Amino acid sequence: MSEPQSARPPRGGRLHTQRGHAEPAADKRTLFERVVEFISPGPDSKDELIATLADAEQRELIEPQSRAMLEGVLRMADMAAGDVMVAAPRMDVLDIAWSYEDLLASVILTGHSRFPVTEGGRDNIIGILMAKDLLKLQRAPELNLRTLLRPAVFVPESKNLNELLRDFRSNRNHLAIVIDEFGNTAGLITIEDVLEEIVGEIEDEFDDADAESGVYTLADGSHRVAGDATIVAVNEAFGVDLPVDEFDTIGGLIAHQLGHVPRRGETVHAGLLSFNVMLTRGGAVRWFRVRRMSAVEADQAEA
């Protein structure tokens, strides 16, 4: 009576097909590699894996950028929407009752491509407006703004970032409203916020590596100034004389004048310039909107 066939390959390390021909086993590791794995087994936890990646970078087996991205992927698995969202008080929203001029002014000021639209209060979000859709209102003022709104996507604060990124890709949404356990608006999150946890900060069209000054002129005549622009560069661009003794960057000077970490929407006056905080990241100002004030405005601001 023949023995039943075993699913386990023989000790010789060779597999036999039904025709009786021998084939090499799939394990092609050398004896040295097997001994090394036996003595130093692979990482058993996420922290050990991250430490292994750091060691690989030290030994120049992987590039620093690759190690940072891999770490970002690993850490993102433990993060939720509430960890990286823009909190509700700092959200830039539009009101359905605003005039076209007010809507356009807010879009120019903030520079976003998508906006939550509210009705009767910031907690009542009725849809999302694409900035480019305002062009339709300009050409056809009789259009109702409501017809241009796109459905808002709502996610809980506990939504895992891996799942959220998968939803963003499958649904082709780039923005979601984050709600708390009571159904109130907690903030918003974009696909850029999620991706930045992997690849680091994503530069926008104003982040020109060749523009050393960090000062850009906007369509309405105001200027967009990088938070890390030097005070010397700002003085040269605007023809002013802001102090350069204590701080090197304009972000440091404005934060000192505020007396706290700058928040989006705050406005500070320095000399003849008005600085409005457009975007903050990691506790530092990324962009200011800057305009020159008249002498009368400057006097009133100091009063």
Protein backbone atom coordinates (compact mmCIF):
# COMPACT_ATOMS: atom_id res chain seq x y z
CA MET A 1 0.00 0.00 0.00
CA SER A 2 1.49 3.31 -1.04
CA GLU A 3 2.12 6.06 1.48
CA PRO A 4 0.02 9.21 1.24
CA GLN A 5 1.83 12.19 -0.28
CA SER A 6 3.05 14.79 2.18
CA ALA A 7 2.67 18.54 1.50
CA ARG A 8 6.01 19.20 3.20
CA PRO A 9 9.13 19.09 0.98
CA PRO A 10 11.78 16.49 1.86
CA ARG A 11 14.78 17.48 3.93
CA GLY A 12 16.95 17.51 0.87
CA GLY A 13 15.35 20.81 -0.05
CA ARG A 14 14.03 19.65 -3.45
CA LEU A 15 10.46 19.41 -4.66
CA HIS A 16 9.19 16.69 -7.03
CA THR A 17 6.53 17.29 -9.61
CA GLN A 18 3.94 14.72 -10.62
CA ARG A 19 6.21 13.72 -13.52
CA GLY A 20 9.02 12.91 -11.12
CA HIS A 21 11.33 15.78 -12.15
CA ALA A 22 13.20 17.46 -9.34
CA GLU A 23 13.00 21.26 -8.98
CA PRO A 24 15.01 23.50 -6.65
CA ALA A 25 13.25 24.75 -3.52
CA ALA A 26 12.03 28.36 -3.44
CA ASP A 27 14.39 29.30 -0.60
CA LYS A 28 17.53 30.57 -2.32
CA ARG A 29 19.20 32.06 0.72
CA THR A 30 22.82 31.18 1.33
CA LEU A 31 23.87 29.30 4.44
CA PHE A 32 25.42 32.52 5.79
CA GLU A 33 22.14 34.41 5.33
CA ARG A 34 20.24 31.70 7.18
CA VAL A 35 22.73 31.76 10.06
CA VAL A 36 22.50 35.57 10.29
CA GLU A 37 18.70 35.40 10.38
CA PHE A 38 18.83 32.75 13.09
CA ILE A 39 21.22 34.81 15.23
CA SER A 40 19.57 38.21 14.51
CA PRO A 41 15.90 37.68 13.70
CA GLY A 42 13.88 40.45 12.06
CA PRO A 43 12.05 43.15 14.01
CA ASP A 44 9.07 42.05 16.08
CA SER A 45 7.42 45.47 16.52
CA LYS A 46 6.87 48.71 14.66
CA ASP A 47 9.39 50.51 16.87
CA GLU A 48 12.01 47.88 16.10
CA LEU A 49 11.26 48.19 12.39
CA ILE A 50 11.69 51.98 12.56
CA ALA A 51 14.98 51.49 14.41
CA THR A 52 16.05 49.05 11.69
CA LEU A 53 15.28 51.65 9.02
CA ALA A 54 17.34 54.23 10.91
CA ASP A 55 20.22 51.76 11.08
CA ALA A 56 19.90 51.09 7.34
CA GLU A 57 20.14 54.82 6.70
CA GLN A 58 23.26 55.06 8.89
CA ARG A 59 24.84 52.29 6.86
CA GLU A 60 23.82 54.11 3.66
CA LEU A 61 21.63 51.24 2.49
CA ILE A 62 18.70 53.60 1.93
CA GLU A 63 18.46 57.33 1.32
CA PRO A 64 17.31 59.64 4.16
CA GLN A 65 14.25 60.66 2.13
CA SER A 66 13.26 57.03 1.61
CA ARG A 67 13.67 56.27 5.32
CA ALA A 68 11.52 59.30 6.25
CA MET A 69 8.77 58.23 3.84
CA LEU A 70 8.77 54.65 5.11
CA GLU A 71 8.57 55.90 8.68
CA GLY A 72 5.69 58.15 7.67
CA VAL A 73 3.79 55.19 6.24
CA LEU A 74 4.33 53.17 9.41
CA ARG A 75 3.36 55.99 11.79
CA MET A 76 0.32 56.95 9.70
CA ALA A 77 -1.22 53.55 10.41
CA ASP A 78 -1.69 54.64 14.04
CA MET A 79 -3.06 58.11 13.24
CA ALA A 80 -6.63 59.29 12.86
CA ALA A 81 -8.30 62.23 11.12
CA GLY A 82 -8.48 64.13 14.40
CA ASP A 83 -4.68 64.08 14.67
CA VAL A 84 -3.97 66.10 11.53
CA MET A 85 -7.19 68.02 10.81
CA VAL A 86 -7.52 71.79 10.70
CA ALA A 87 -9.57 72.59 13.82
CA ALA A 88 -13.00 74.14 13.28
CA PRO A 89 -12.11 77.61 14.66
CA ARG A 90 -9.31 77.87 12.08
CA MET A 91 -11.35 76.68 9.11
CA ASP A 92 -11.82 79.12 6.23
CA VAL A 93 -15.49 78.89 5.30
CA LEU A 94 -17.88 80.75 3.02
CA ASP A 95 -21.44 81.72 3.88
CA ILE A 96 -24.22 80.98 1.42
CA ALA A 97 -25.67 84.45 2.07
CA TRP A 98 -22.52 86.34 1.05
CA SER A 99 -22.43 88.45 -2.09
CA TYR A 100 -20.25 87.48 -5.03
CA GLU A 101 -17.79 90.25 -4.12
CA ASP A 102 -17.43 88.93 -0.56
CA LEU A 103 -16.96 85.38 -1.77
CA LEU A 104 -14.30 86.41 -4.27
CA ALA A 105 -12.45 88.52 -1.69
CA SER A 106 -12.30 85.58 0.75
CA VAL A 107 -11.09 83.20 -1.95
CA ILE A 108 -8.31 85.60 -2.97
CA LEU A 109 -7.33 86.23 0.64
CA THR A 110 -7.01 82.59 1.67
CA GLY A 111 -5.83 81.06 -1.59
CA HIS A 112 -7.61 77.70 -1.18
CA SER A 113 -9.16 75.72 -4.01
CA ARG A 114 -12.07 74.27 -1.98
CA PHE A 115 -14.24 75.81 0.72
CA PRO A 116 -16.92 74.49 3.08
CA VAL A 117 -20.08 76.56 2.65
CA THR A 118 -22.23 77.23 5.71
CA GLU A 119 -25.74 78.45 6.32
CA GLY A 120 -26.90 79.96 9.58
CA GLY A 121 -23.67 79.22 11.43
CA ARG A 122 -20.30 77.53 11.05
CA ASP A 123 -21.62 74.19 12.31
CA ASN A 124 -24.15 73.88 9.50
CA ILE A 125 -22.08 72.95 6.46
CA ILE A 126 -24.30 72.51 3.40
CA GLY A 127 -21.70 71.73 0.75
CA ILE A 128 -18.29 72.38 -0.77
CA LEU A 129 -17.55 75.15 -3.27
CA MET A 130 -14.69 74.88 -5.76
CA ALA A 131 -12.97 78.23 -6.18
CA LYS A 132 -12.97 77.80 -9.95
CA ASP A 133 -16.77 77.56 -9.93
CA LEU A 134 -16.92 81.22 -8.95
CA LEU A 135 -16.07 81.97 -12.58
CA LYS A 136 -19.48 80.59 -13.50
CA LEU A 137 -21.13 83.12 -11.19
CA GLN A 138 -19.12 85.90 -12.76
CA ARG A 139 -20.30 85.00 -16.26
CA ALA A 140 -23.85 84.19 -15.21
CA PRO A 141 -24.84 86.19 -12.09
CA GLU A 142 -28.36 84.79 -12.25
CA LEU A 143 -27.06 81.37 -11.18
CA ASN A 144 -27.94 80.22 -7.69
CA LEU A 145 -24.84 79.52 -5.63
CA ARG A 146 -26.50 76.40 -4.22
CA THR A 147 -26.45 74.78 -7.65
CA LEU A 148 -22.65 75.04 -7.70
CA LEU A 149 -22.12 73.29 -4.36
CA ARG A 150 -20.77 69.78 -4.25
CA PRO A 151 -21.79 67.31 -1.55
CA ALA A 152 -19.73 67.49 1.62
CA VAL A 153 -18.11 64.29 2.87
CA PHE A 154 -18.23 63.79 6.65
CA VAL A 155 -15.85 61.52 8.56
CA PRO A 156 -15.45 60.86 12.30
CA GLU A 157 -12.40 62.05 14.23
CA SER A 158 -11.44 58.41 14.76
CA LYS A 159 -11.22 57.67 11.03
CA ASN A 160 -7.90 55.95 10.35
CA LEU A 161 -5.66 57.87 7.94
CA ASN A 162 -4.95 54.76 5.87
CA GLU A 163 -8.67 54.24 5.34
CA LEU A 164 -9.23 57.94 4.70
CA LEU A 165 -6.54 58.05 2.03
CA ARG A 166 -8.10 55.03 0.38
CA ASP A 167 -11.50 56.76 0.42
CA PHE A 168 -10.02 59.97 -1.00
CA ARG A 169 -8.56 58.02 -3.90
CA SER A 170 -11.62 55.91 -4.64
CA ASN A 171 -14.17 58.72 -4.29
CA ARG A 172 -11.95 61.37 -5.90
CA ASN A 173 -12.61 63.73 -3.01
CA HIS A 174 -9.87 66.01 -1.77
CA LEU A 175 -11.57 67.39 1.34
CA ALA A 176 -13.65 65.96 4.17
CA ILE A 177 -15.39 67.52 7.14
CA VAL A 178 -14.39 65.93 10.45
CA ILE A 179 -17.11 65.55 13.08
CA ASP A 180 -16.83 64.70 16.76
CA GLU A 181 -18.71 62.04 18.71
CA PHE A 182 -21.69 64.37 19.13
CA GLY A 183 -22.01 65.12 15.43
CA ASN A 184 -20.58 68.63 15.69
CA THR A 185 -18.00 69.98 13.25
CA ALA A 186 -14.53 69.34 14.67
CA GLY A 187 -12.52 70.49 11.66
CA LEU A 188 -11.60 69.58 8.13
CA ILE A 189 -8.94 67.43 6.50
CA THR A 190 -7.62 67.32 2.95
CA ILE A 191 -5.80 64.71 0.94
CA GLU A 192 -2.76 66.97 1.12
CA ASP A 193 -2.84 66.80 4.93
CA VAL A 194 -2.76 63.01 4.75
CA LEU A 195 -0.04 62.77 2.12
CA GLU A 196 2.17 65.20 4.05
CA GLU A 197 2.33 62.64 6.87
CA ILE A 198 4.19 60.41 4.38
CA VAL A 199 6.19 62.68 2.12
CA GLY A 200 6.56 65.75 4.33
CA GLU A 201 5.35 69.22 3.53
CA ILE A 202 4.02 69.61 0.00
CA GLU A 203 5.07 72.87 -1.58
CA ASP A 204 2.52 74.88 -3.53
CA GLU A 205 2.79 77.06 -6.62
CA PHE A 206 4.16 79.95 -4.56
CA ASP A 207 7.07 77.89 -3.26
CA ASP A 208 9.54 78.79 -6.00
CA ALA A 209 13.01 77.61 -5.07
CA ASP A 210 14.50 80.33 -7.28
CA ALA A 211 12.65 83.14 -5.50
CA GLU A 212 15.12 83.86 -2.73
CA SER A 213 13.21 86.76 -1.23
CA GLY A 214 10.00 84.78 -0.49
CA VAL A 215 7.88 87.80 -1.49
CA TYR A 216 5.22 87.37 -4.18
CA THR A 217 2.78 89.86 -5.68
CA LEU A 218 -0.88 88.78 -5.77
CA ALA A 219 -3.51 89.72 -8.31
CA ASP A 220 -5.21 92.25 -6.00
CA GLY A 221 -1.97 94.19 -5.48
CA SER A 222 -1.23 92.76 -2.03
CA HIS A 223 1.74 90.48 -1.40
CA ARG A 224 2.25 86.96 -0.14
CA VAL A 225 5.31 86.65 2.07
CA ALA A 226 6.87 83.43 3.34
CA GLY A 227 7.17 83.15 7.10
CA ASP A 228 10.85 82.27 6.78
CA ALA A 229 11.61 85.25 4.54
CA THR A 230 14.35 87.38 6.04
CA ILE A 231 13.49 90.77 7.51
CA VAL A 232 16.17 92.24 5.27
CA ALA A 233 14.35 90.89 2.19
CA VAL A 234 11.02 92.30 3.42
CA ASN A 235 12.60 95.70 4.08
CA GLU A 236 14.04 95.74 0.58
CA ALA A 237 10.80 94.59 -1.08
CA PHE A 238 8.58 97.14 0.68
CA GLY A 239 11.06 99.94 1.29
CA VAL A 240 10.55 99.87 5.05
CA ASP A 241 12.89 99.72 8.03
CA LEU A 242 11.76 96.88 10.28
CA PRO A 243 14.26 96.05 13.06
CA VAL A 244 16.80 93.34 12.26
CA ASP A 245 18.67 93.23 15.58
CA GLU A 246 16.76 90.47 17.43
CA PHE A 247 15.23 88.31 14.68
CA ASP A 248 16.31 87.07 11.27
CA THR A 249 12.94 86.08 9.79
CA ILE A 250 9.72 87.99 9.48
CA GLY A 251 7.86 85.06 11.08
CA GLY A 252 9.96 85.36 14.22
CA LEU A 253 9.40 89.12 14.44
CA ILE A 254 5.62 88.87 14.02
CA ALA A 255 5.33 85.99 16.52
CA HIS A 256 7.25 88.11 19.03
CA GLN A 257 4.89 91.04 18.51
CA LEU A 258 1.86 88.79 18.94
CA GLY A 259 3.26 87.25 22.11
CA HIS A 260 2.00 83.77 21.19
CA VAL A 261 2.08 81.22 18.39
CA PRO A 262 0.39 82.90 15.39
CA ARG A 263 -3.01 81.59 14.35
CA ARG A 264 -4.58 81.67 10.93
CA GLY A 265 -6.58 84.86 10.38
CA GLU A 266 -4.72 87.00 12.91
CA THR A 267 -3.51 90.42 11.77
CA VAL A 268 -0.50 92.33 13.06
CA HIS A 269 0.78 95.77 12.10
CA ALA A 270 4.50 96.46 11.88
CA GLY A 271 5.62 99.84 10.68
CA LEU A 272 3.61 100.68 7.58
CA LEU A 273 2.84 97.03 6.85
CA SER A 274 -0.19 94.93 7.78
CA PHE A 275 0.52 91.20 8.18
CA ASN A 276 -2.39 88.75 7.98
CA VAL A 277 -1.60 85.12 8.83
CA MET A 278 -2.72 83.00 5.86
CA LEU A 279 -1.28 79.58 6.70
CA THR A 280 0.48 78.00 9.66
CA ARG A 281 2.21 74.64 9.91
CA GLY A 282 3.80 73.06 12.95
CA GLY A 283 3.37 76.17 15.08
CA ALA A 284 5.11 78.44 12.56
CA VAL A 285 3.69 80.79 9.93
CA ARG A 286 4.07 79.51 6.39
CA TRP A 287 2.51 82.51 4.62
CA PHE A 288 1.49 86.05 5.39
CA ARG A 289 -0.70 88.29 3.28
CA VAL A 290 0.97 91.70 3.48
CA ARG A 291 -0.25 95.10 2.34
CA ARG A 292 1.12 98.56 2.78
CA MET A 293 -0.99 100.86 4.94
CA SER A 294 -1.43 104.57 4.51
CA ALA A 295 0.09 106.88 7.10
CA VAL A 296 -3.38 107.50 8.54
CA GLU A 297 -4.04 103.75 8.89
CA ALA A 298 -0.65 103.26 10.55
CA ASP A 299 -1.40 106.04 13.06
CA GLN A 300 -4.80 104.51 13.85
CA ALA A 301 -3.22 101.08 14.31
CA GLU A 302 -0.74 102.47 16.84
CA ALA A 303 -3.44 104.37 18.72
